[in-house]
Amino acid sequence: MAELAFFSGTMDCGKSTLALQIRHNRSARGLTGMIFTRNDRAGEGRISSRLGLVTEAVEAGEDFDFHAHLVRHLTAGGRVDYVIADEAQFLSAEQVDQLARIVDDLGIDVFAFGITTDFRTRLFPGSQRLIELADRVESLQVESLCWCGARATHNARTVGGRMVVEGAQVVVGDVGGDRGDTGYEVLCRRHHRRRLTAAAAGAGPLSPDVLPAEGFAASSGLPRQNGEPSRP
């Protein structure tokens, strides 16, 4: 049975890497896929991983109809064994419905990848609809880390180095970088609530000796077990 699978997580947790790995594994078995994306950091019509992997993709804009696109391709004699939709959080609810129709009507597996919540901790429309419709929802096992060493669960937007909680839901940027004045950072819930980014806390790179479990000590000012001074 074909299925609609949604793989989700915070920024910087390897979603696009997994999408490209799925493509590689199926291509190696002679399967043909169709790959879609929207607003990738590498530019229009591309899927890119922070590991440096890049592949061409179909840019799915606001008016794009996934189901109609596949029907036209198949009617013209094309072949599609699976579909990958990266940056699926940017899709509309109607477009997610189209992905579900591809599974149900055409019997083709669809693998969607996306961030669950935005910088305001609110569900993206595409992610919400995928959670409602998907046959399988999986959280990626590669955990992003907050600057304190704790597991990162929230996506923060920064403007001019300061965290913001107002503005348009979609502004393209990147983790650890910026597009103009806008950048993004992953934080634990505690530091997202306090709007305490690495820059605001004066935190440098994590020491190799710092474990995620020590994140509470780092954020609360308690002494660390190894005797290192706590971060601000």
C-alpha atoms as a PDB file:
ATOM      1  CA  MET A   1       0.000   0.000   0.000  1.00  0.00           C
ATOM      2  CA  ALA A   2       1.253   3.456  -0.867  1.00  0.00           C
ATOM      3  CA  GLU A   3       1.546   5.910   2.013  1.00  0.00           C
ATOM      4  CA  LEU A   4       1.899   9.589   2.827  1.00  0.00           C
ATOM      5  CA  ALA A   5       4.772   9.959   5.288  1.00  0.00           C
ATOM      6  CA  PHE A   6       5.699  13.209   7.032  1.00  0.00           C
ATOM      7  CA  PHE A   7       9.192  13.603   8.506  1.00  0.00           C
ATOM      8  CA  SER A   8       9.476  16.614  10.769  1.00  0.00           C
ATOM      9  CA  GLY A   9      11.825  18.336  13.168  1.00  0.00           C
ATOM     10  CA  THR A  10      13.460  21.655  13.941  1.00  0.00           C
ATOM     11  CA  MET A  11      15.788  23.432  11.568  1.00  0.00           C
ATOM     12  CA  ASP A  12      19.231  21.875  11.258  1.00  0.00           C
ATOM     13  CA  CYS A  13      18.086  18.314  12.073  1.00  0.00           C
ATOM     14  CA  GLY A  14      18.834  16.739   8.684  1.00  0.00           C
ATOM     15  CA  LYS A  15      15.448  16.748   6.910  1.00  0.00           C
ATOM     16  CA  SER A  16      16.852  17.569   3.472  1.00  0.00           C
ATOM     17  CA  THR A  17      19.715  15.130   4.003  1.00  0.00           C
ATOM     18  CA  LEU A  18      17.218  12.333   4.624  1.00  0.00           C
ATOM     19  CA  ALA A  19      15.178  13.386   1.581  1.00  0.00           C
ATOM     20  CA  LEU A  20      18.270  13.117  -0.604  1.00  0.00           C
ATOM     21  CA  GLN A  21      19.189   9.781   0.992  1.00  0.00           C
ATOM     22  CA  ILE A  22      15.744   8.370   0.177  1.00  0.00           C
ATOM     23  CA  ARG A  23      16.174   9.557  -3.407  1.00  0.00           C
ATOM     24  CA  HIS A  24      19.617   7.933  -3.635  1.00  0.00           C
ATOM     25  CA  ASN A  25      18.458   4.603  -2.203  1.00  0.00           C
ATOM     26  CA  ARG A  26      15.489   4.334  -4.546  1.00  0.00           C
ATOM     27  CA  SER A  27      17.418   5.488  -7.594  1.00  0.00           C
ATOM     28  CA  ALA A  28      19.994   2.787  -6.860  1.00  0.00           C
ATOM     29  CA  ARG A  29      17.174   0.230  -7.162  1.00  0.00           C
ATOM     30  CA  GLY A  30      16.039   1.590 -10.517  1.00  0.00           C
ATOM     31  CA  LEU A  31      13.060   3.561  -9.186  1.00  0.00           C
ATOM     32  CA  THR A  32      12.151   6.935 -10.653  1.00  0.00           C
ATOM     33  CA  GLY A  33      11.050   9.748  -8.387  1.00  0.00           C
ATOM     34  CA  MET A  34       9.689  13.251  -8.754  1.00  0.00           C
ATOM     35  CA  ILE A  35      11.129  15.807  -6.341  1.00  0.00           C
ATOM     36  CA  PHE A  36       9.491  19.053  -5.301  1.00  0.00           C
ATOM     37  CA  THR A  37      10.560  21.907  -3.063  1.00  0.00           C
ATOM     38  CA  ARG A  38       9.745  25.493  -2.193  1.00  0.00           C
ATOM     39  CA  ASN A  39      11.940  28.312  -0.889  1.00  0.00           C
ATOM     40  CA  ASP A  40      15.083  26.213  -0.421  1.00  0.00           C
ATOM     41  CA  ARG A  41      18.058  28.212   0.879  1.00  0.00           C
ATOM     42  CA  ALA A  42      20.052  27.194  -2.237  1.00  0.00           C
ATOM     43  CA  GLY A  43      17.605  28.932  -4.565  1.00  0.00           C
ATOM     44  CA  GLU A  44      14.654  28.096  -6.783  1.00  0.00           C
ATOM     45  CA  GLY A  45      14.261  24.521  -7.993  1.00  0.00           C
ATOM     46  CA  ARG A  46      16.880  22.973  -5.724  1.00  0.00           C
ATOM     47  CA  ILE A  47      17.079  20.812  -2.618  1.00  0.00           C
ATOM     48  CA  SER A  48      20.198  21.366  -0.565  1.00  0.00           C
ATOM     49  CA  SER A  49      21.606  19.780   2.571  1.00  0.00           C
ATOM     50  CA  ARG A  50      23.940  21.456   5.033  1.00  0.00           C
ATOM     51  CA  LEU A  51      26.301  18.554   4.349  1.00  0.00           C
ATOM     52  CA  GLY A  52      26.787  20.032   0.881  1.00  0.00           C
ATOM     53  CA  LEU A  53      24.469  17.740  -1.101  1.00  0.00           C
ATOM     54  CA  VAL A  54      22.344  19.425  -3.769  1.00  0.00           C
ATOM     55  CA  THR A  55      19.912  18.130  -6.385  1.00  0.00           C
ATOM     56  CA  GLU A  56      17.534  19.666  -8.885  1.00  0.00           C
ATOM     57  CA  ALA A  57      13.833  19.774  -8.020  1.00  0.00           C
ATOM     58  CA  VAL A  58      10.538  21.173  -9.262  1.00  0.00           C
ATOM     59  CA  GLU A  59       9.730  24.482  -7.560  1.00  0.00           C
ATOM     60  CA  ALA A  60       6.176  24.163  -6.217  1.00  0.00           C
ATOM     61  CA  GLY A  61       4.796  27.692  -6.027  1.00  0.00           C
ATOM     62  CA  GLU A  62       1.594  28.848  -4.374  1.00  0.00           C
ATOM     63  CA  ASP A  63      -0.585  27.938  -7.382  1.00  0.00           C
ATOM     64  CA  PHE A  64       1.128  24.621  -8.130  1.00  0.00           C
ATOM     65  CA  ASP A  65      -1.135  21.537  -8.320  1.00  0.00           C
ATOM     66  CA  PHE A  66       0.812  18.386  -7.399  1.00  0.00           C
ATOM     67  CA  HIS A  67      -1.899  15.927  -8.425  1.00  0.00           C
ATOM     68  CA  ALA A  68      -2.522  17.556 -11.817  1.00  0.00           C
ATOM     69  CA  HIS A  69       1.233  17.748 -12.489  1.00  0.00           C
ATOM     70  CA  LEU A  70       1.673  14.006 -11.910  1.00  0.00           C
ATOM     71  CA  VAL A  71      -1.412  13.093 -13.924  1.00  0.00           C
ATOM     72  CA  ARG A  72      -0.077  15.086 -16.899  1.00  0.00           C
ATOM     73  CA  HIS A  73       3.328  13.418 -16.558  1.00  0.00           C
ATOM     74  CA  LEU A  74       1.885   9.907 -16.352  1.00  0.00           C
ATOM     75  CA  THR A  75      -0.587  10.526 -19.188  1.00  0.00           C
ATOM     76  CA  ALA A  76       2.321  11.589 -21.399  1.00  0.00           C
ATOM     77  CA  GLY A  77       3.997   8.230 -20.773  1.00  0.00           C
ATOM     78  CA  GLY A  78       6.244   9.261 -17.893  1.00  0.00           C
ATOM     79  CA  ARG A  79       7.036   7.118 -14.900  1.00  0.00           C
ATOM     80  CA  VAL A  80       6.887   8.038 -11.206  1.00  0.00           C
ATOM     81  CA  ASP A  81       7.503   5.492  -8.452  1.00  0.00           C
ATOM     82  CA  TYR A  82       7.649   7.912  -5.531  1.00  0.00           C
ATOM     83  CA  VAL A  83       7.358  11.603  -4.700  1.00  0.00           C
ATOM     84  CA  ILE A  84       9.524  13.720  -2.385  1.00  0.00           C
ATOM     85  CA  ALA A  85       8.225  17.083  -1.162  1.00  0.00           C
ATOM     86  CA  ASP A  86      10.834  19.053   0.770  1.00  0.00           C
ATOM     87  CA  GLU A  87      10.131  22.265   2.724  1.00  0.00           C
ATOM     88  CA  ALA A  88       6.572  20.986   3.014  1.00  0.00           C
ATOM     89  CA  GLN A  89       5.767  23.419   5.812  1.00  0.00           C
ATOM     90  CA  PHE A  90       5.410  26.116   3.139  1.00  0.00           C
ATOM     91  CA  LEU A  91       2.653  24.246   1.276  1.00  0.00           C
ATOM     92  CA  SER A  92      -0.998  25.200   1.582  1.00  0.00           C
ATOM     93  CA  ALA A  93      -3.545  22.852   3.123  1.00  0.00           C
ATOM     94  CA  GLU A  94      -4.988  22.333  -0.365  1.00  0.00           C
ATOM     95  CA  GLN A  95      -1.609  21.277  -1.726  1.00  0.00           C
ATOM     96  CA  VAL A  96      -1.212  18.728   1.063  1.00  0.00           C
ATOM     97  CA  ASP A  97      -4.636  17.379   0.097  1.00  0.00           C
ATOM     98  CA  GLN A  98      -3.248  16.988  -3.432  1.00  0.00           C
ATOM     99  CA  LEU A  99      -0.326  14.940  -2.075  1.00  0.00           C
ATOM    100  CA  ALA A 100      -2.808  12.683  -0.276  1.00  0.00           C
ATOM    101  CA  ARG A 101      -4.722  12.217  -3.555  1.00  0.00           C
ATOM    102  CA  ILE A 102      -1.481  11.120  -5.255  1.00  0.00           C
ATOM    103  CA  VAL A 103      -1.199   8.349  -2.670  1.00  0.00           C
ATOM    104  CA  ASP A 104      -4.867   7.319  -2.725  1.00  0.00           C
ATOM    105  CA  ASP A 105      -5.710   7.753  -6.422  1.00  0.00           C
ATOM    106  CA  LEU A 106      -2.391   6.983  -8.097  1.00  0.00           C
ATOM    107  CA  GLY A 107      -0.888   4.507  -5.611  1.00  0.00           C
ATOM    108  CA  ILE A 108       2.396   6.418  -5.350  1.00  0.00           C
ATOM    109  CA  ASP A 109       4.369   6.854  -2.116  1.00  0.00           C
ATOM    110  CA  VAL A 110       4.814  10.466  -0.987  1.00  0.00           C
ATOM    111  CA  PHE A 111       7.572  11.472   1.437  1.00  0.00           C
ATOM    112  CA  ALA A 112       7.142  14.991   2.838  1.00  0.00           C
ATOM    113  CA  PHE A 113       9.767  16.805   4.897  1.00  0.00           C
ATOM    114  CA  GLY A 114       9.287  19.978   6.876  1.00  0.00           C
ATOM    115  CA  ILE A 115       9.505  22.069  10.010  1.00  0.00           C
ATOM    116  CA  THR A 116       6.494  21.684  12.282  1.00  0.00           C
ATOM    117  CA  THR A 117       6.264  25.137  13.887  1.00  0.00           C
ATOM    118  CA  ASP A 118       7.376  28.631  12.940  1.00  0.00           C
ATOM    119  CA  PHE A 119       9.431  31.183  14.897  1.00  0.00           C
ATOM    120  CA  ARG A 120       6.311  32.053  16.930  1.00  0.00           C
ATOM    121  CA  THR A 121       5.855  28.357  17.923  1.00  0.00           C
ATOM    122  CA  ARG A 122       2.714  28.144  15.767  1.00  0.00           C
ATOM    123  CA  LEU A 123       2.034  25.344  13.308  1.00  0.00           C
ATOM    124  CA  PHE A 124       2.722  26.023   9.655  1.00  0.00           C
ATOM    125  CA  PRO A 125      -0.467  25.380   7.615  1.00  0.00           C
ATOM    126  CA  GLY A 126       1.264  22.721   5.512  1.00  0.00           C
ATOM    127  CA  SER A 127       2.642  20.916   8.562  1.00  0.00           C
ATOM    128  CA  GLN A 128      -0.700  21.054  10.341  1.00  0.00           C
ATOM    129  CA  ARG A 129      -2.476  19.474   7.390  1.00  0.00           C
ATOM    130  CA  LEU A 130       0.214  16.809   7.033  1.00  0.00           C
ATOM    131  CA  ILE A 131      -0.197  15.867  10.693  1.00  0.00           C
ATOM    132  CA  GLU A 132      -3.943  15.597  10.099  1.00  0.00           C
ATOM    133  CA  LEU A 133      -3.677  13.473   6.936  1.00  0.00           C
ATOM    134  CA  ALA A 134      -0.399  11.543   6.944  1.00  0.00           C
ATOM    135  CA  ASP A 135      -0.380   7.772   7.280  1.00  0.00           C
ATOM    136  CA  ARG A 136       2.862   8.135   9.207  1.00  0.00           C
ATOM    137  CA  VAL A 137       4.405  11.070  11.085  1.00  0.00           C
ATOM    138  CA  GLU A 138       7.998  10.716  12.260  1.00  0.00           C
ATOM    139  CA  SER A 139      10.252  13.039  14.230  1.00  0.00           C
ATOM    140  CA  LEU A 140      13.803  12.889  12.957  1.00  0.00           C
ATOM    141  CA  GLN A 141      16.254  11.251  15.325  1.00  0.00           C
ATOM    142  CA  VAL A 142      19.134  13.657  14.675  1.00  0.00           C
ATOM    143  CA  GLU A 143      18.673  16.208  17.451  1.00  0.00           C
ATOM    144  CA  SER A 144      19.591  19.849  17.001  1.00  0.00           C
ATOM    145  CA  LEU A 145      21.154  21.455  20.071  1.00  0.00           C
ATOM    146  CA  CYS A 146      20.483  24.786  21.708  1.00  0.00           C
ATOM    147  CA  TRP A 147      23.519  26.916  22.548  1.00  0.00           C
ATOM    148  CA  CYS A 148      23.222  25.653  26.163  1.00  0.00           C
ATOM    149  CA  GLY A 149      23.620  22.020  25.098  1.00  0.00           C
ATOM    150  CA  ALA A 150      19.989  21.024  25.668  1.00  0.00           C
ATOM    151  CA  ARG A 151      17.853  19.535  22.913  1.00  0.00           C
ATOM    152  CA  ALA A 152      16.598  22.279  20.601  1.00  0.00           C
ATOM    153  CA  THR A 153      12.830  22.175  20.156  1.00  0.00           C
ATOM    154  CA  HIS A 154      12.014  25.653  18.829  1.00  0.00           C
ATOM    155  CA  ASN A 155      12.991  27.768  15.839  1.00  0.00           C
ATOM    156  CA  ALA A 156      13.929  31.378  16.554  1.00  0.00           C
ATOM    157  CA  ARG A 157      14.130  34.242  14.067  1.00  0.00           C
ATOM    158  CA  THR A 158      16.657  37.000  14.629  1.00  0.00           C
ATOM    159  CA  VAL A 159      16.776  40.460  13.083  1.00  0.00           C
ATOM    160  CA  GLY A 160      19.966  42.391  13.563  1.00  0.00           C
ATOM    161  CA  GLY A 161      21.084  39.745  16.047  1.00  0.00           C
ATOM    162  CA  ARG A 162      17.982  40.047  18.286  1.00  0.00           C
ATOM    163  CA  MET A 163      15.225  37.454  18.509  1.00  0.00           C
ATOM    164  CA  VAL A 164      11.837  38.582  17.198  1.00  0.00           C
ATOM    165  CA  VAL A 165       8.361  37.057  17.635  1.00  0.00           C
ATOM    166  CA  GLU A 166       6.427  39.214  15.178  1.00  0.00           C
ATOM    167  CA  GLY A 167       6.482  39.449  11.392  1.00  0.00           C
ATOM    168  CA  ALA A 168       5.555  37.457   8.313  1.00  0.00           C
ATOM    169  CA  GLN A 169       5.437  33.706   8.839  1.00  0.00           C
ATOM    170  CA  VAL A 170       7.713  32.971   5.859  1.00  0.00           C
ATOM    171  CA  VAL A 171      11.004  34.840   5.518  1.00  0.00           C
ATOM    172  CA  VAL A 172      13.747  32.736   3.927  1.00  0.00           C
ATOM    173  CA  GLY A 173      16.968  32.561   5.908  1.00  0.00           C
ATOM    174  CA  ASP A 174      19.338  29.951   7.291  1.00  0.00           C
ATOM    175  CA  VAL A 175      20.590  28.558  10.587  1.00  0.00           C
ATOM    176  CA  GLY A 176      23.890  30.112  11.599  1.00  0.00           C
ATOM    177  CA  GLY A 177      23.714  32.631   8.762  1.00  0.00           C
ATOM    178  CA  ASP A 178      21.580  35.439   7.514  1.00  0.00           C
ATOM    179  CA  ARG A 179      19.819  36.836   4.493  1.00  0.00           C
ATOM    180  CA  GLY A 180      20.318  40.558   4.975  1.00  0.00           C
ATOM    181  CA  ASP A 181      19.394  41.233   8.597  1.00  0.00           C
ATOM    182  CA  THR A 182      17.346  38.051   9.060  1.00  0.00           C
ATOM    183  CA  GLY A 183      18.774  34.850  10.520  1.00  0.00           C
ATOM    184  CA  TYR A 184      17.532  31.776  12.362  1.00  0.00           C
ATOM    185  CA  GLU A 185      18.662  29.819  15.406  1.00  0.00           C
ATOM    186  CA  VAL A 186      17.386  26.675  17.114  1.00  0.00           C
ATOM    187  CA  LEU A 187      16.742  26.962  20.859  1.00  0.00           C
ATOM    188  CA  CYS A 188      15.397  24.880  23.717  1.00  0.00           C
ATOM    189  CA  ARG A 189      11.961  25.915  24.957  1.00  0.00           C
ATOM    190  CA  ARG A 190      13.384  27.656  28.030  1.00  0.00           C
ATOM    191  CA  HIS A 191      15.620  29.957  26.045  1.00  0.00           C
ATOM    192  CA  HIS A 192      13.020  30.538  23.333  1.00  0.00           C
ATOM    193  CA  ARG A 193      10.599  31.726  26.027  1.00  0.00           C
ATOM    194  CA  ARG A 194      13.286  34.022  27.413  1.00  0.00           C
ATOM    195  CA  ARG A 195      14.324  35.150  23.917  1.00  0.00           C
ATOM    196  CA  LEU A 196      17.884  34.254  24.881  1.00  0.00           C
ATOM    197  CA  THR A 197      19.918  33.488  21.768  1.00  0.00           C
ATOM    198  CA  ALA A 198      23.582  32.519  21.754  1.00  0.00           C
ATOM    199  CA  ALA A 199      24.566  36.079  20.898  1.00  0.00           C
ATOM    200  CA  ALA A 200      22.406  37.543  23.658  1.00  0.00           C
ATOM    201  CA  ALA A 201      23.845  35.088  26.175  1.00  0.00           C
ATOM    202  CA  GLY A 202      27.418  35.670  25.002  1.00  0.00           C
ATOM    203  CA  ALA A 203      27.790  31.936  24.451  1.00  0.00           C
ATOM    204  CA  GLY A 204      30.605  30.573  22.312  1.00  0.00           C
ATOM    205  CA  PRO A 205      30.712  27.147  20.625  1.00  0.00           C
ATOM    206  CA  LEU A 206      29.863  24.195  22.844  1.00  0.00           C
ATOM    207  CA  SER A 207      32.821  22.458  24.469  1.00  0.00           C
ATOM    208  CA  PRO A 208      33.249  18.820  23.378  1.00  0.00           C
ATOM    209  CA  ASP A 209      32.922  17.962  27.073  1.00  0.00           C
ATOM    210  CA  VAL A 210      29.484  19.526  27.417  1.00  0.00           C
ATOM    211  CA  LEU A 211      26.674  16.999  27.168  1.00  0.00           C
ATOM    212  CA  PRO A 212      23.070  17.896  26.364  1.00  0.00           C
ATOM    213  CA  ALA A 213      22.100  16.757  29.868  1.00  0.00           C
ATOM    214  CA  GLU A 214      24.179  19.611  31.277  1.00  0.00           C
ATOM    215  CA  GLY A 215      22.030  22.147  29.467  1.00  0.00           C
ATOM    216  CA  PHE A 216      20.002  22.860  32.604  1.00  0.00           C
ATOM    217  CA  ALA A 217      23.098  23.782  34.557  1.00  0.00           C
ATOM    218  CA  ALA A 218      24.258  25.964  31.703  1.00  0.00           C
ATOM    219  CA  SER A 219      20.978  27.855  31.527  1.00  0.00           C
ATOM    220  CA  SER A 220      20.288  28.127  35.264  1.00  0.00           C
ATOM    221  CA  GLY A 221      23.692  29.301  36.437  1.00  0.00           C
ATOM    222  CA  LEU A 222      24.351  26.158  38.508  1.00  0.00           C
ATOM    223  CA  PRO A 223      27.945  24.845  38.663  1.00  0.00           C
ATOM    224  CA  ARG A 224      28.846  22.218  36.096  1.00  0.00           C
ATOM    225  CA  GLN A 225      29.967  18.788  37.129  1.00  0.00           C
ATOM    226  CA  ASN A 226      33.325  19.242  35.455  1.00  0.00           C
ATOM    227  CA  GLY A 227      33.952  22.454  37.334  1.00  0.00           C
ATOM    228  CA  GLU A 228      33.748  24.759  34.327  1.00  0.00           C
ATOM    229  CA  PRO A 229      32.076  28.119  34.927  1.00  0.00           C
ATOM    230  CA  SER A 230      28.449  28.291  33.866  1.00  0.00           C
ATOM    231  CA  ARG A 231      27.449  30.418  30.912  1.00  0.00           C
ATOM    232  CA  PRO A 232      25.549  33.643  31.392  1.00  0.00           C
END
